[in-house]
N, C-alpha and C. Protein backbone atom coordinates (compact mmCIF):
# COMPACT_ATOMS: atom_id res chain seq x y z
N MET A 1 9.44 -20.75 1.04
CA MET A 1 8.60 -19.59 1.33
C MET A 1 7.35 -19.65 0.47
N GLY A 2 6.21 -19.31 1.08
CA GLY A 2 4.95 -19.39 0.36
C GLY A 2 4.65 -18.16 -0.46
N LEU A 3 3.42 -18.05 -0.87
CA LEU A 3 2.94 -16.94 -1.67
C LEU A 3 2.92 -15.65 -0.86
N ARG A 4 3.32 -14.53 -1.48
CA ARG A 4 3.28 -13.22 -0.83
C ARG A 4 2.47 -12.27 -1.71
N ILE A 5 1.37 -11.76 -1.15
CA ILE A 5 0.53 -10.80 -1.87
C ILE A 5 0.52 -9.50 -1.08
N GLY A 6 0.88 -8.38 -1.73
CA GLY A 6 0.85 -7.07 -1.09
C GLY A 6 -0.42 -6.33 -1.46
N ILE A 7 -1.07 -5.72 -0.48
CA ILE A 7 -2.25 -4.90 -0.72
C ILE A 7 -1.83 -3.44 -0.60
N ALA A 8 -2.04 -2.66 -1.65
CA ALA A 8 -1.62 -1.26 -1.68
C ALA A 8 -2.82 -0.37 -1.95
N GLY A 9 -2.72 0.88 -1.48
CA GLY A 9 -3.80 1.82 -1.76
C GLY A 9 -3.84 2.97 -0.78
N ASN A 10 -4.58 3.98 -1.14
CA ASN A 10 -4.65 5.22 -0.39
C ASN A 10 -5.32 5.02 0.98
N ILE A 11 -5.25 6.05 1.80
CA ILE A 11 -5.83 6.03 3.14
C ILE A 11 -7.33 5.81 3.05
N GLY A 12 -7.83 4.82 3.79
CA GLY A 12 -9.26 4.58 3.84
C GLY A 12 -9.84 3.76 2.72
N VAL A 13 -9.02 3.29 1.80
CA VAL A 13 -9.57 2.59 0.63
C VAL A 13 -10.08 1.19 0.95
N GLY A 14 -9.58 0.58 2.03
CA GLY A 14 -10.06 -0.74 2.42
C GLY A 14 -9.00 -1.83 2.43
N LYS A 15 -7.74 -1.45 2.60
CA LYS A 15 -6.65 -2.42 2.58
C LYS A 15 -6.78 -3.47 3.69
N SER A 16 -7.04 -3.01 4.91
CA SER A 16 -7.13 -3.94 6.04
C SER A 16 -8.31 -4.89 5.89
N THR A 17 -9.44 -4.37 5.39
CA THR A 17 -10.62 -5.21 5.19
C THR A 17 -10.34 -6.30 4.17
N LEU A 18 -9.72 -5.92 3.05
CA LEU A 18 -9.40 -6.92 2.03
C LEU A 18 -8.36 -7.91 2.55
N THR A 19 -7.37 -7.41 3.28
CA THR A 19 -6.34 -8.29 3.83
C THR A 19 -6.97 -9.38 4.70
N GLU A 20 -7.88 -8.98 5.56
CA GLU A 20 -8.55 -9.93 6.46
C GLU A 20 -9.31 -10.99 5.68
N HIS A 21 -10.14 -10.57 4.74
CA HIS A 21 -11.00 -11.52 4.02
C HIS A 21 -10.21 -12.35 3.01
N LEU A 22 -9.21 -11.75 2.37
CA LEU A 22 -8.41 -12.51 1.41
C LEU A 22 -7.58 -13.57 2.12
N ALA A 23 -7.07 -13.23 3.30
CA ALA A 23 -6.31 -14.22 4.08
C ALA A 23 -7.18 -15.41 4.44
N THR A 24 -8.41 -15.15 4.82
CA THR A 24 -9.34 -16.25 5.12
C THR A 24 -9.62 -17.08 3.88
N TYR A 25 -9.85 -16.40 2.76
CA TYR A 25 -10.19 -17.07 1.51
C TYR A 25 -9.05 -17.96 1.03
N LEU A 26 -7.82 -17.46 1.14
CA LEU A 26 -6.65 -18.21 0.64
C LEU A 26 -6.00 -19.07 1.73
N GLU A 27 -6.59 -19.05 2.95
CA GLU A 27 -6.01 -19.75 4.10
C GLU A 27 -4.56 -19.30 4.31
N ALA A 28 -4.38 -17.99 4.27
CA ALA A 28 -3.07 -17.37 4.44
C ALA A 28 -3.03 -16.59 5.75
N LYS A 29 -1.84 -16.13 6.12
CA LYS A 29 -1.67 -15.34 7.33
C LYS A 29 -1.72 -13.86 6.98
N PRO A 30 -2.60 -13.07 7.62
CA PRO A 30 -2.62 -11.62 7.37
C PRO A 30 -1.54 -10.92 8.18
N HIS A 31 -0.94 -9.90 7.59
CA HIS A 31 0.04 -9.09 8.31
C HIS A 31 -0.35 -7.64 8.14
N TYR A 32 -0.68 -6.97 9.26
CA TYR A 32 -1.23 -5.63 9.20
C TYR A 32 -0.20 -4.56 9.49
N GLU A 33 -0.42 -3.38 8.92
CA GLU A 33 0.44 -2.23 9.17
C GLU A 33 0.36 -1.85 10.64
N GLN A 34 1.52 -1.54 11.23
CA GLN A 34 1.58 -1.14 12.62
C GLN A 34 1.51 0.38 12.72
N PHE A 35 0.46 0.89 13.37
CA PHE A 35 0.25 2.34 13.45
C PHE A 35 1.04 2.98 14.60
N GLN A 36 1.28 2.21 15.65
CA GLN A 36 1.86 2.79 16.86
C GLN A 36 3.36 2.51 16.94
N GLY A 37 4.05 3.27 17.81
CA GLY A 37 5.43 2.96 18.12
C GLY A 37 6.47 3.92 17.58
N ASN A 38 6.10 4.78 16.62
CA ASN A 38 7.07 5.71 16.06
C ASN A 38 7.34 6.83 17.07
N PRO A 39 8.56 6.90 17.64
CA PRO A 39 8.84 7.90 18.67
C PRO A 39 8.92 9.32 18.12
N TYR A 40 8.95 9.46 16.80
CA TYR A 40 9.04 10.79 16.19
C TYR A 40 7.68 11.33 15.75
N LEU A 41 6.64 10.50 15.84
CA LEU A 41 5.37 10.86 15.22
C LEU A 41 4.75 12.12 15.82
N GLN A 42 4.78 12.24 17.13
CA GLN A 42 4.19 13.42 17.77
C GLN A 42 4.94 14.69 17.37
N ASP A 43 6.27 14.60 17.33
CA ASP A 43 7.08 15.74 16.89
C ASP A 43 6.81 16.05 15.41
N PHE A 44 6.62 15.01 14.62
CA PHE A 44 6.35 15.19 13.19
C PHE A 44 5.07 15.97 12.96
N TYR A 45 4.00 15.62 13.65
CA TYR A 45 2.74 16.32 13.47
C TYR A 45 2.83 17.77 13.97
N ARG A 46 3.70 18.00 14.95
CA ARG A 46 3.87 19.36 15.49
C ARG A 46 4.72 20.23 14.56
N ASP A 47 5.75 19.62 13.94
CA ASP A 47 6.68 20.38 13.10
C ASP A 47 7.20 19.45 12.00
N MET A 48 6.44 19.35 10.90
CA MET A 48 6.75 18.38 9.85
C MET A 48 8.09 18.64 9.18
N GLU A 49 8.41 19.92 8.96
CA GLU A 49 9.67 20.23 8.28
C GLU A 49 10.88 19.74 9.06
N SER A 50 10.82 19.81 10.39
CA SER A 50 11.96 19.43 11.22
C SER A 50 12.06 17.93 11.44
N TRP A 51 10.92 17.22 11.40
CA TRP A 51 10.91 15.83 11.83
C TRP A 51 10.47 14.83 10.76
N ALA A 52 10.21 15.29 9.55
CA ALA A 52 9.77 14.39 8.48
C ALA A 52 10.83 13.32 8.18
N PHE A 53 12.09 13.74 8.09
CA PHE A 53 13.17 12.79 7.76
C PHE A 53 13.29 11.72 8.84
N HIS A 54 13.31 12.13 10.10
CA HIS A 54 13.45 11.17 11.20
C HIS A 54 12.29 10.17 11.20
N SER A 55 11.08 10.69 11.01
CA SER A 55 9.90 9.84 11.05
C SER A 55 9.89 8.84 9.91
N GLN A 56 10.24 9.28 8.70
CA GLN A 56 10.24 8.39 7.55
C GLN A 56 11.34 7.33 7.66
N ILE A 57 12.50 7.70 8.20
CA ILE A 57 13.57 6.72 8.40
C ILE A 57 13.11 5.64 9.37
N TYR A 58 12.45 6.05 10.44
CA TYR A 58 11.96 5.08 11.42
C TYR A 58 10.98 4.11 10.76
N PHE A 59 10.02 4.64 10.01
CA PHE A 59 9.04 3.78 9.33
C PHE A 59 9.73 2.81 8.38
N LEU A 60 10.74 3.30 7.65
CA LEU A 60 11.44 2.45 6.69
C LEU A 60 12.17 1.31 7.41
N ILE A 61 12.84 1.62 8.51
CA ILE A 61 13.56 0.59 9.27
C ILE A 61 12.59 -0.48 9.78
N GLN A 62 11.46 -0.04 10.31
CA GLN A 62 10.47 -1.00 10.83
C GLN A 62 9.92 -1.88 9.71
N ARG A 63 9.69 -1.28 8.54
CA ARG A 63 9.16 -2.05 7.41
C ARG A 63 10.18 -3.12 6.98
N VAL A 64 11.45 -2.75 6.94
CA VAL A 64 12.49 -3.71 6.56
C VAL A 64 12.53 -4.86 7.57
N LYS A 65 12.46 -4.54 8.85
CA LYS A 65 12.47 -5.58 9.88
C LYS A 65 11.28 -6.54 9.71
N GLU A 66 10.12 -5.97 9.42
CA GLU A 66 8.92 -6.79 9.23
C GLU A 66 9.09 -7.74 8.06
N ILE A 67 9.59 -7.22 6.93
CA ILE A 67 9.75 -8.04 5.73
C ILE A 67 10.79 -9.13 5.95
N GLN A 68 11.88 -8.79 6.65
CA GLN A 68 12.90 -9.79 6.94
C GLN A 68 12.35 -10.91 7.82
N ALA A 69 11.54 -10.54 8.81
CA ALA A 69 10.95 -11.55 9.69
C ALA A 69 9.98 -12.44 8.93
N LEU A 70 9.20 -11.84 8.05
CA LEU A 70 8.22 -12.60 7.28
C LEU A 70 8.88 -13.53 6.27
N ALA A 71 10.09 -13.16 5.83
CA ALA A 71 10.79 -13.97 4.83
C ALA A 71 11.13 -15.36 5.37
N THR A 72 11.21 -15.50 6.68
CA THR A 72 11.55 -16.79 7.27
C THR A 72 10.31 -17.64 7.57
N GLU A 73 9.12 -17.05 7.42
CA GLU A 73 7.89 -17.77 7.73
C GLU A 73 7.46 -18.63 6.54
N GLN A 74 6.91 -19.77 6.87
CA GLN A 74 6.37 -20.66 5.86
C GLN A 74 4.90 -20.32 5.63
N GLY A 75 4.37 -20.74 4.50
CA GLY A 75 2.97 -20.50 4.22
C GLY A 75 2.75 -19.17 3.51
N ASP A 76 1.52 -18.96 3.08
CA ASP A 76 1.16 -17.77 2.32
C ASP A 76 0.87 -16.59 3.27
N ILE A 77 1.21 -15.38 2.83
CA ILE A 77 1.04 -14.19 3.65
C ILE A 77 0.42 -13.07 2.81
N ILE A 78 -0.53 -12.36 3.40
CA ILE A 78 -1.14 -11.19 2.79
C ILE A 78 -0.64 -9.96 3.55
N LEU A 79 -0.01 -9.03 2.85
CA LEU A 79 0.60 -7.85 3.47
C LEU A 79 -0.31 -6.63 3.30
N ASP A 80 -0.70 -6.05 4.42
CA ASP A 80 -1.48 -4.81 4.41
C ASP A 80 -0.49 -3.64 4.35
N ARG A 81 -0.31 -3.08 3.17
CA ARG A 81 0.65 -2.01 2.87
C ARG A 81 2.02 -2.62 2.53
N THR A 82 2.78 -1.92 1.68
CA THR A 82 4.07 -2.41 1.22
C THR A 82 5.16 -1.36 1.45
N ILE A 83 6.40 -1.79 1.35
CA ILE A 83 7.53 -0.88 1.54
C ILE A 83 7.58 0.18 0.45
N TYR A 84 7.05 -0.15 -0.74
CA TYR A 84 7.09 0.79 -1.85
C TYR A 84 6.31 2.06 -1.53
N GLU A 85 5.20 1.90 -0.82
CA GLU A 85 4.35 3.06 -0.52
C GLU A 85 5.02 4.03 0.44
N ASP A 86 5.78 3.51 1.39
CA ASP A 86 6.49 4.39 2.33
C ASP A 86 7.33 5.42 1.58
N ALA A 87 8.07 4.95 0.60
CA ALA A 87 9.01 5.82 -0.11
C ALA A 87 8.38 6.51 -1.31
N GLU A 88 7.77 5.72 -2.18
CA GLU A 88 7.31 6.24 -3.47
C GLU A 88 6.07 7.12 -3.35
N ILE A 89 5.30 6.94 -2.29
CA ILE A 89 4.06 7.71 -2.14
C ILE A 89 4.20 8.75 -1.03
N PHE A 90 4.37 8.29 0.21
CA PHE A 90 4.29 9.21 1.34
C PHE A 90 5.53 10.09 1.48
N ALA A 91 6.72 9.51 1.38
CA ALA A 91 7.94 10.33 1.47
C ALA A 91 8.04 11.27 0.27
N ARG A 92 7.72 10.77 -0.91
CA ARG A 92 7.79 11.62 -2.10
C ARG A 92 6.79 12.77 -2.01
N ASN A 93 5.62 12.51 -1.44
CA ASN A 93 4.63 13.58 -1.31
C ASN A 93 5.10 14.63 -0.30
N LEU A 94 5.73 14.19 0.78
CA LEU A 94 6.29 15.14 1.74
C LEU A 94 7.34 16.03 1.06
N TYR A 95 8.14 15.42 0.21
CA TYR A 95 9.16 16.18 -0.52
C TYR A 95 8.51 17.19 -1.46
N ARG A 96 7.47 16.78 -2.18
CA ARG A 96 6.78 17.68 -3.10
C ARG A 96 6.12 18.84 -2.36
N GLN A 97 5.67 18.58 -1.14
CA GLN A 97 5.02 19.62 -0.35
C GLN A 97 6.02 20.56 0.33
N GLY A 98 7.30 20.24 0.23
CA GLY A 98 8.31 21.05 0.88
C GLY A 98 8.50 20.72 2.34
N LYS A 99 7.92 19.59 2.79
CA LYS A 99 8.06 19.17 4.19
C LYS A 99 9.34 18.37 4.40
N LEU A 100 9.93 17.89 3.31
CA LEU A 100 11.16 17.09 3.38
C LEU A 100 12.18 17.76 2.47
N ALA A 101 13.30 18.17 3.04
CA ALA A 101 14.32 18.87 2.28
C ALA A 101 14.92 17.97 1.19
N THR A 102 15.41 18.60 0.12
CA THR A 102 15.97 17.83 -1.00
C THR A 102 17.09 16.91 -0.54
N ARG A 103 18.02 17.41 0.25
CA ARG A 103 19.14 16.59 0.73
C ARG A 103 18.64 15.40 1.55
N ASP A 104 17.67 15.64 2.42
CA ASP A 104 17.13 14.56 3.25
C ASP A 104 16.38 13.54 2.40
N PHE A 105 15.61 14.02 1.43
CA PHE A 105 14.86 13.10 0.57
C PHE A 105 15.81 12.23 -0.24
N GLN A 106 16.86 12.82 -0.78
CA GLN A 106 17.82 12.05 -1.57
C GLN A 106 18.52 10.99 -0.72
N THR A 107 18.88 11.35 0.51
CA THR A 107 19.52 10.39 1.42
C THR A 107 18.55 9.26 1.77
N TYR A 108 17.33 9.64 2.11
CA TYR A 108 16.30 8.65 2.44
C TYR A 108 16.07 7.71 1.27
N PHE A 109 15.91 8.28 0.08
CA PHE A 109 15.56 7.46 -1.08
C PHE A 109 16.70 6.54 -1.48
N GLU A 110 17.95 6.98 -1.29
CA GLU A 110 19.09 6.11 -1.58
C GLU A 110 19.10 4.91 -0.63
N LEU A 111 18.78 5.15 0.63
CA LEU A 111 18.68 4.05 1.59
C LEU A 111 17.56 3.10 1.21
N TYR A 112 16.40 3.66 0.85
CA TYR A 112 15.26 2.84 0.44
C TYR A 112 15.62 1.95 -0.75
N GLU A 113 16.23 2.53 -1.77
CA GLU A 113 16.56 1.74 -2.96
C GLU A 113 17.58 0.65 -2.65
N THR A 114 18.51 0.95 -1.75
CA THR A 114 19.53 -0.04 -1.37
C THR A 114 18.90 -1.25 -0.69
N VAL A 115 18.06 -0.99 0.33
CA VAL A 115 17.46 -2.11 1.06
C VAL A 115 16.40 -2.80 0.21
N ASN A 116 15.72 -2.06 -0.65
CA ASN A 116 14.67 -2.65 -1.47
C ASN A 116 15.23 -3.71 -2.41
N HIS A 117 16.44 -3.48 -2.91
CA HIS A 117 17.06 -4.46 -3.81
C HIS A 117 17.41 -5.76 -3.08
N LEU A 118 17.52 -5.70 -1.75
CA LEU A 118 17.90 -6.88 -0.98
C LEU A 118 16.69 -7.67 -0.48
N LEU A 119 15.50 -7.12 -0.67
CA LEU A 119 14.29 -7.76 -0.14
C LEU A 119 13.53 -8.48 -1.24
N PRO A 120 12.92 -9.61 -0.92
CA PRO A 120 12.14 -10.32 -1.93
C PRO A 120 10.86 -9.57 -2.27
N PRO A 121 10.55 -9.40 -3.56
CA PRO A 121 9.31 -8.70 -3.93
C PRO A 121 8.10 -9.61 -3.74
N PRO A 122 6.92 -9.04 -3.59
CA PRO A 122 5.72 -9.88 -3.51
C PRO A 122 5.43 -10.54 -4.85
N ASP A 123 4.67 -11.62 -4.81
CA ASP A 123 4.29 -12.31 -6.04
C ASP A 123 3.25 -11.53 -6.82
N LEU A 124 2.46 -10.72 -6.10
CA LEU A 124 1.43 -9.92 -6.74
C LEU A 124 1.14 -8.71 -5.86
N LEU A 125 0.97 -7.54 -6.49
CA LEU A 125 0.52 -6.35 -5.80
C LEU A 125 -0.94 -6.09 -6.19
N VAL A 126 -1.81 -6.01 -5.21
CA VAL A 126 -3.21 -5.67 -5.45
C VAL A 126 -3.39 -4.21 -5.08
N TYR A 127 -3.60 -3.38 -6.07
CA TYR A 127 -3.73 -1.93 -5.87
C TYR A 127 -5.21 -1.56 -5.84
N LEU A 128 -5.68 -1.18 -4.65
CA LEU A 128 -7.06 -0.74 -4.49
C LEU A 128 -7.12 0.76 -4.76
N ALA A 129 -7.85 1.16 -5.80
CA ALA A 129 -7.96 2.56 -6.17
C ALA A 129 -9.38 3.06 -5.90
N ALA A 130 -9.49 4.35 -5.63
CA ALA A 130 -10.81 4.97 -5.41
C ALA A 130 -10.70 6.47 -5.60
N ASP A 131 -11.80 7.08 -6.02
CA ASP A 131 -11.85 8.54 -6.13
C ASP A 131 -11.78 9.16 -4.75
N VAL A 132 -11.38 10.43 -4.70
CA VAL A 132 -11.24 11.12 -3.42
C VAL A 132 -12.56 11.15 -2.65
N SER A 133 -13.68 11.37 -3.35
CA SER A 133 -14.98 11.41 -2.67
C SER A 133 -15.29 10.09 -1.97
N THR A 134 -14.93 8.98 -2.60
CA THR A 134 -15.13 7.66 -1.99
C THR A 134 -14.24 7.49 -0.77
N LEU A 135 -12.97 7.90 -0.89
CA LEU A 135 -12.04 7.79 0.24
C LEU A 135 -12.54 8.59 1.43
N LEU A 136 -13.03 9.80 1.20
CA LEU A 136 -13.52 10.64 2.29
C LEU A 136 -14.71 9.98 3.00
N LYS A 137 -15.60 9.37 2.25
CA LYS A 137 -16.75 8.68 2.85
C LYS A 137 -16.28 7.53 3.73
N ARG A 138 -15.34 6.76 3.24
CA ARG A 138 -14.86 5.59 3.99
C ARG A 138 -14.06 6.01 5.22
N ILE A 139 -13.29 7.07 5.10
CA ILE A 139 -12.55 7.59 6.26
C ILE A 139 -13.52 8.05 7.34
N HIS A 140 -14.58 8.74 6.92
CA HIS A 140 -15.59 9.20 7.89
C HIS A 140 -16.27 8.03 8.57
N LEU A 141 -16.59 6.99 7.80
CA LEU A 141 -17.31 5.84 8.36
C LEU A 141 -16.48 5.06 9.36
N ARG A 142 -15.18 4.94 9.12
CA ARG A 142 -14.38 4.15 10.06
C ARG A 142 -13.98 4.94 11.30
N GLY A 143 -14.07 6.26 11.24
CA GLY A 143 -14.06 7.08 12.44
C GLY A 143 -12.77 7.18 13.22
N ARG A 144 -11.63 7.02 12.58
CA ARG A 144 -10.37 7.24 13.29
C ARG A 144 -10.16 8.74 13.48
N GLY A 145 -10.03 9.17 14.74
CA GLY A 145 -9.94 10.58 15.04
C GLY A 145 -8.81 11.29 14.33
N SER A 146 -7.65 10.61 14.21
CA SER A 146 -6.48 11.24 13.60
C SER A 146 -6.66 11.47 12.10
N GLU A 147 -7.66 10.82 11.48
CA GLU A 147 -7.84 10.92 10.03
C GLU A 147 -8.94 11.91 9.62
N GLN A 148 -9.73 12.37 10.57
CA GLN A 148 -10.91 13.15 10.21
C GLN A 148 -10.59 14.52 9.62
N GLN A 149 -9.37 15.01 9.85
CA GLN A 149 -8.98 16.32 9.33
C GLN A 149 -8.19 16.23 8.01
N ILE A 150 -8.12 15.04 7.44
CA ILE A 150 -7.38 14.88 6.19
C ILE A 150 -8.07 15.67 5.08
N LYS A 151 -7.30 16.44 4.35
CA LYS A 151 -7.83 17.30 3.30
C LYS A 151 -8.03 16.52 1.99
N PRO A 152 -9.09 16.85 1.24
CA PRO A 152 -9.28 16.21 -0.07
C PRO A 152 -8.08 16.40 -0.99
N GLU A 153 -7.45 17.56 -0.93
CA GLU A 153 -6.29 17.84 -1.79
C GLU A 153 -5.15 16.87 -1.50
N TYR A 154 -4.97 16.56 -0.23
CA TYR A 154 -3.91 15.62 0.16
C TYR A 154 -4.18 14.23 -0.41
N LEU A 155 -5.41 13.77 -0.29
CA LEU A 155 -5.77 12.46 -0.84
C LEU A 155 -5.61 12.45 -2.36
N GLY A 156 -5.93 13.56 -3.00
CA GLY A 156 -5.76 13.65 -4.44
C GLY A 156 -4.30 13.56 -4.85
N GLN A 157 -3.43 14.21 -4.09
CA GLN A 157 -2.00 14.13 -4.37
C GLN A 157 -1.50 12.69 -4.25
N LEU A 158 -1.96 11.99 -3.19
CA LEU A 158 -1.55 10.60 -3.01
C LEU A 158 -2.08 9.73 -4.13
N ASN A 159 -3.31 9.97 -4.56
CA ASN A 159 -3.89 9.19 -5.67
C ASN A 159 -3.03 9.30 -6.92
N GLN A 160 -2.60 10.51 -7.23
CA GLN A 160 -1.77 10.71 -8.41
C GLN A 160 -0.46 9.94 -8.31
N LEU A 161 0.16 9.98 -7.14
CA LEU A 161 1.41 9.25 -6.94
C LEU A 161 1.19 7.75 -7.01
N TYR A 162 0.09 7.27 -6.43
CA TYR A 162 -0.21 5.84 -6.50
C TYR A 162 -0.38 5.39 -7.95
N ASP A 163 -1.18 6.12 -8.73
CA ASP A 163 -1.42 5.72 -10.12
C ASP A 163 -0.12 5.67 -10.91
N THR A 164 0.71 6.69 -10.73
CA THR A 164 1.97 6.76 -11.46
C THR A 164 2.90 5.61 -11.07
N HIS A 165 3.03 5.39 -9.76
CA HIS A 165 3.99 4.38 -9.32
C HIS A 165 3.52 2.96 -9.63
N MET A 166 2.23 2.68 -9.49
CA MET A 166 1.76 1.32 -9.75
C MET A 166 1.92 0.93 -11.22
N GLU A 167 1.72 1.89 -12.11
CA GLU A 167 1.97 1.59 -13.52
C GLU A 167 3.45 1.33 -13.76
N LYS A 168 4.30 2.12 -13.10
CA LYS A 168 5.75 1.97 -13.26
C LYS A 168 6.24 0.64 -12.71
N ILE A 169 5.80 0.29 -11.50
CA ILE A 169 6.32 -0.91 -10.86
C ILE A 169 5.79 -2.18 -11.52
N SER A 170 4.71 -2.04 -12.30
CA SER A 170 4.16 -3.22 -12.97
C SER A 170 5.11 -3.79 -14.02
N HIS A 171 6.16 -3.05 -14.34
CA HIS A 171 7.17 -3.56 -15.27
C HIS A 171 8.11 -4.57 -14.60
N THR A 172 8.06 -4.64 -13.28
CA THR A 172 8.91 -5.59 -12.55
C THR A 172 8.11 -6.52 -11.64
N ILE A 173 6.93 -6.08 -11.21
CA ILE A 173 6.08 -6.90 -10.32
C ILE A 173 4.67 -6.89 -10.89
N PRO A 174 4.00 -8.03 -10.97
CA PRO A 174 2.61 -8.04 -11.44
C PRO A 174 1.71 -7.21 -10.52
N VAL A 175 0.91 -6.34 -11.12
CA VAL A 175 0.01 -5.46 -10.38
C VAL A 175 -1.42 -5.67 -10.86
N LEU A 176 -2.34 -5.82 -9.92
CA LEU A 176 -3.76 -5.85 -10.23
C LEU A 176 -4.38 -4.58 -9.68
N ARG A 177 -4.82 -3.70 -10.56
CA ARG A 177 -5.46 -2.45 -10.14
C ARG A 177 -6.98 -2.67 -10.11
N ILE A 178 -7.57 -2.41 -8.95
CA ILE A 178 -9.01 -2.60 -8.77
C ILE A 178 -9.64 -1.26 -8.41
N GLN A 179 -10.51 -0.77 -9.27
CA GLN A 179 -11.25 0.46 -8.97
C GLN A 179 -12.41 0.09 -8.05
N THR A 180 -12.37 0.59 -6.82
CA THR A 180 -13.27 0.08 -5.78
C THR A 180 -14.47 0.97 -5.50
N ASP A 181 -14.66 2.06 -6.27
CA ASP A 181 -15.76 2.98 -5.98
C ASP A 181 -17.12 2.28 -6.01
N GLU A 182 -17.27 1.31 -6.90
CA GLU A 182 -18.55 0.61 -7.03
C GLU A 182 -18.51 -0.76 -6.35
N LEU A 183 -17.51 -0.98 -5.52
CA LEU A 183 -17.39 -2.24 -4.78
C LEU A 183 -17.45 -1.96 -3.29
N GLU A 184 -18.11 -2.83 -2.56
CA GLU A 184 -18.15 -2.73 -1.10
C GLU A 184 -17.47 -3.97 -0.54
N LEU A 185 -16.32 -3.77 0.07
CA LEU A 185 -15.51 -4.92 0.49
C LEU A 185 -16.14 -5.71 1.62
N THR A 186 -17.17 -5.17 2.27
CA THR A 186 -17.86 -5.93 3.31
C THR A 186 -18.97 -6.80 2.73
N HIS A 187 -19.22 -6.70 1.42
CA HIS A 187 -20.25 -7.50 0.76
C HIS A 187 -19.62 -8.74 0.12
N VAL A 188 -20.21 -9.88 0.36
CA VAL A 188 -19.66 -11.15 -0.12
C VAL A 188 -19.54 -11.16 -1.65
N LYS A 189 -20.58 -10.71 -2.35
CA LYS A 189 -20.56 -10.77 -3.81
C LYS A 189 -19.45 -9.92 -4.40
N ASP A 190 -19.25 -8.75 -3.82
CA ASP A 190 -18.19 -7.87 -4.32
C ASP A 190 -16.82 -8.45 -4.01
N ARG A 191 -16.66 -9.05 -2.84
CA ARG A 191 -15.37 -9.68 -2.51
C ARG A 191 -15.09 -10.84 -3.46
N ASP A 192 -16.13 -11.59 -3.81
CA ASP A 192 -15.93 -12.72 -4.72
C ASP A 192 -15.41 -12.26 -6.08
N ILE A 193 -15.88 -11.09 -6.54
CA ILE A 193 -15.38 -10.53 -7.80
C ILE A 193 -13.88 -10.27 -7.70
N ILE A 194 -13.48 -9.69 -6.59
CA ILE A 194 -12.05 -9.39 -6.37
C ILE A 194 -11.24 -10.67 -6.24
N PHE A 195 -11.75 -11.63 -5.46
CA PHE A 195 -11.02 -12.88 -5.27
C PHE A 195 -10.78 -13.59 -6.60
N GLN A 196 -11.80 -13.59 -7.46
CA GLN A 196 -11.66 -14.26 -8.75
C GLN A 196 -10.62 -13.56 -9.62
N ALA A 197 -10.60 -12.23 -9.57
CA ALA A 197 -9.61 -11.48 -10.34
C ALA A 197 -8.20 -11.78 -9.85
N ILE A 198 -8.04 -11.89 -8.53
CA ILE A 198 -6.73 -12.21 -7.97
C ILE A 198 -6.29 -13.62 -8.39
N LYS A 199 -7.21 -14.58 -8.32
CA LYS A 199 -6.89 -15.94 -8.75
C LYS A 199 -6.48 -15.98 -10.21
N ASN A 200 -7.16 -15.22 -11.05
CA ASN A 200 -6.82 -15.18 -12.47
C ASN A 200 -5.42 -14.61 -12.68
N CYS A 201 -5.07 -13.57 -11.92
CA CYS A 201 -3.73 -12.99 -12.04
C CYS A 201 -2.65 -13.97 -11.61
N LEU A 202 -2.90 -14.67 -10.52
CA LEU A 202 -1.91 -15.63 -10.03
C LEU A 202 -1.70 -16.76 -11.03
N ARG A 203 -2.76 -17.16 -11.72
CA ARG A 203 -2.60 -18.18 -12.76
C ARG A 203 -1.75 -17.65 -13.91
N LYS A 204 -2.02 -16.41 -14.31
CA LYS A 204 -1.26 -15.83 -15.42
C LYS A 204 0.20 -15.65 -15.06
N ASN A 205 0.49 -15.48 -13.78
CA ASN A 205 1.88 -15.28 -13.36
C ASN A 205 2.72 -16.55 -13.51
N ASP A 206 2.07 -17.67 -13.79
CA ASP A 206 2.83 -18.90 -14.05
C ASP A 206 3.47 -18.89 -15.42
N SER A 207 3.04 -17.95 -16.28
CA SER A 207 3.60 -17.86 -17.62
C SER A 207 4.95 -17.15 -17.58
N PRO A 208 5.74 -17.23 -18.67
CA PRO A 208 7.06 -16.58 -18.67
C PRO A 208 6.99 -15.07 -18.53
N ILE A 209 5.87 -14.44 -18.90
CA ILE A 209 5.76 -12.98 -18.83
C ILE A 209 5.23 -12.62 -17.45
N LEU A 210 6.13 -12.14 -16.58
CA LEU A 210 5.75 -11.86 -15.20
C LEU A 210 5.39 -10.39 -14.98
N SER A 211 5.83 -9.50 -15.85
CA SER A 211 5.58 -8.09 -15.65
C SER A 211 4.29 -7.69 -16.34
N THR A 212 3.23 -7.51 -15.55
CA THR A 212 1.91 -7.29 -16.12
C THR A 212 1.13 -6.30 -15.29
N TYR A 213 0.30 -5.51 -15.97
CA TYR A 213 -0.57 -4.54 -15.29
C TYR A 213 -2.01 -4.93 -15.60
N PHE A 214 -2.63 -5.65 -14.68
CA PHE A 214 -4.02 -6.06 -14.84
C PHE A 214 -4.93 -4.97 -14.28
N GLN A 215 -6.17 -4.93 -14.78
CA GLN A 215 -7.13 -3.97 -14.24
C GLN A 215 -8.51 -4.60 -14.09
N LEU A 216 -9.17 -4.25 -12.99
CA LEU A 216 -10.55 -4.66 -12.76
C LEU A 216 -11.35 -3.38 -12.57
N LEU A 217 -12.23 -3.08 -13.52
CA LEU A 217 -13.03 -1.86 -13.46
C LEU A 217 -14.50 -2.23 -13.47
N PRO A 218 -15.08 -2.48 -12.29
CA PRO A 218 -16.49 -2.90 -12.23
C PRO A 218 -17.42 -1.84 -12.80
N ALA A 219 -18.51 -2.29 -13.43
CA ALA A 219 -19.50 -1.36 -13.97
C ALA A 219 -20.24 -0.67 -12.83
N GLU A 220 -20.71 0.54 -13.11
CA GLU A 220 -21.45 1.26 -12.09
C GLU A 220 -22.74 0.54 -11.76
N LYS A 221 -23.09 0.55 -10.47
CA LYS A 221 -24.31 -0.13 -10.03
C LYS A 221 -25.52 0.76 -10.23
């Protein structure tokens, strides 16, 4: 099995864009998050309290299937979104908001932890971070209708969960945190900065110390 790099980050931060360009740069295969197909999604948006558990279970099952299928593929793969975010960020936020009952969240999380222990972790997690104002601008620019009503408070809640979890998981998986507010992923020079940081992290991962939290904080332009 080849190299596995997971791209993580909040809604609109640029995961798909980086996945595409990094895959080209590393001559790897990109694997994108699947937005369609959840039979509970329409019910979830209509009544989150009643359908949050069903929807999250479906997403978790699909993610496990994807990772199992990719485990048999040869060559390097860049993953747009990871299984950790489904549970540690989005499901946990639903629970905090009262959209997911305590009993349902505990059952869901026990299932997540069980299957997560059976799956191979990525060699590196690239965490794209951005302030809420930056996320809102990028969400507006890409123009997905379903995202235009996302509240700043919601993005802020997700940012807090991302920061907390990425620091925590760095004790078991190498994490590169990139603050992207001053970076434009469609610009070659900015992508080159990110690519070089990723290459440096992968070199360091050859050492005996695998649990590391790297950071790239570009200066303001």
